[in-house]
C-alpha atoms as a PDB file:
ATOM      1  CA  MET A   1     -48.483  41.322  75.756  1.00  0.00           C
ATOM      2  CA  ASN A   2     -47.711  43.339  78.847  1.00  0.00           C
ATOM      3  CA  LEU A   3     -45.043  45.899  79.284  1.00  0.00           C
ATOM      4  CA  GLU A   4     -42.545  43.615  80.810  1.00  0.00           C
ATOM      5  CA  GLU A   5     -42.760  41.289  77.789  1.00  0.00           C
ATOM      6  CA  LYS A   6     -42.461  44.037  75.347  1.00  0.00           C
ATOM      7  CA  LYS A   7     -39.222  45.302  77.216  1.00  0.00           C
ATOM      8  CA  LYS A   8     -37.758  41.813  76.940  1.00  0.00           C
ATOM      9  CA  GLU A   9     -38.521  41.460  73.302  1.00  0.00           C
ATOM     10  CA  ILE A  10     -37.082  44.993  72.460  1.00  0.00           C
ATOM     11  CA  GLU A  11     -34.002  44.071  74.502  1.00  0.00           C
ATOM     12  CA  LYS A  12     -33.716  40.774  72.476  1.00  0.00           C
ATOM     13  CA  THR A  13     -34.011  42.487  69.187  1.00  0.00           C
ATOM     14  CA  GLU A  14     -31.514  45.271  70.225  1.00  0.00           C
ATOM     15  CA  VAL A  15     -28.838  42.720  70.939  1.00  0.00           C
ATOM     16  CA  ARG A  16     -29.498  40.896  67.713  1.00  0.00           C
ATOM     17  CA  LEU A  17     -29.273  44.064  65.730  1.00  0.00           C
ATOM     18  CA  LYS A  18     -26.062  45.107  67.542  1.00  0.00           C
ATOM     19  CA  LYS A  19     -24.470  41.621  66.484  1.00  0.00           C
ATOM     20  CA  GLU A  20     -25.406  42.269  62.936  1.00  0.00           C
ATOM     21  CA  MET A  21     -24.066  45.752  62.623  1.00  0.00           C
ATOM     22  CA  PRO A  22     -20.372  44.917  61.920  1.00  0.00           C
ATOM     23  CA  ARG A  23     -21.504  42.789  58.928  1.00  0.00           C
ATOM     24  CA  ILE A  24     -23.930  45.497  57.683  1.00  0.00           C
ATOM     25  CA  LEU A  25     -21.135  48.183  58.010  1.00  0.00           C
ATOM     26  CA  ARG A  26     -18.814  45.990  55.930  1.00  0.00           C
ATOM     27  CA  GLU A  27     -21.388  45.383  53.289  1.00  0.00           C
ATOM     28  CA  ILE A  28     -22.126  49.214  53.079  1.00  0.00           C
ATOM     29  CA  ALA A  29     -18.290  49.776  52.720  1.00  0.00           C
ATOM     30  CA  VAL A  30     -17.974  47.220  49.920  1.00  0.00           C
ATOM     31  CA  TYR A  31     -21.073  48.923  48.151  1.00  0.00           C
ATOM     32  CA  GLU A  32     -19.529  52.283  48.373  1.00  0.00           C
ATOM     33  CA  LYS A  33     -16.215  51.118  47.211  1.00  0.00           C
ATOM     34  CA  SER A  34     -17.854  49.471  44.234  1.00  0.00           C
ATOM     35  CA  LEU A  35     -19.788  52.574  43.414  1.00  0.00           C
ATOM     36  CA  LYS A  36     -16.733  54.653  43.651  1.00  0.00           C
ATOM     37  CA  ASP A  37     -14.759  52.456  41.375  1.00  0.00           C
ATOM     38  CA  GLY A  38     -17.745  51.974  38.831  1.00  0.00           C
ATOM     39  CA  THR A  39     -17.774  48.108  39.348  1.00  0.00           C
ATOM     40  CA  LEU A  40     -21.228  47.803  40.912  1.00  0.00           C
ATOM     41  CA  ILE A  41     -23.077  44.695  39.716  1.00  0.00           C
ATOM     42  CA  THR A  42     -26.381  45.894  38.106  1.00  0.00           C
ATOM     43  CA  ASN A  43     -28.391  42.644  39.173  1.00  0.00           C
ATOM     44  CA  PRO A  44     -27.175  41.468  42.546  1.00  0.00           C
ATOM     45  CA  LYS A  45     -28.570  38.497  44.250  1.00  0.00           C
ATOM     46  CA  PRO A  46     -31.160  39.375  46.912  1.00  0.00           C
ATOM     47  CA  ALA A  47     -29.919  39.374  50.584  1.00  0.00           C
ATOM     48  CA  PRO A  48     -31.414  36.886  52.901  1.00  0.00           C
ATOM     49  CA  GLN A  49     -34.089  38.362  55.196  1.00  0.00           C
ATOM     50  CA  PHE A  50     -33.357  39.074  58.857  1.00  0.00           C
ATOM     51  CA  ASN A  51     -34.939  36.498  60.986  1.00  0.00           C
ATOM     52  CA  LEU A  52     -36.700  38.153  63.962  1.00  0.00           C
ATOM     53  CA  ASP A  53     -37.621  34.952  65.548  1.00  0.00           C
END
């Protein structure tokens, strides 16, 4: 993989991560609120993995 291909791959990954950030920040806010209220679920279902393809 040459430098040009690496740059394109990095740019694609950055765009995808930027699109995911609002959802991630909402999840963090929900977690922090639950932690503060004491209603945190002890065995949450696992989150789906981020697809890098």
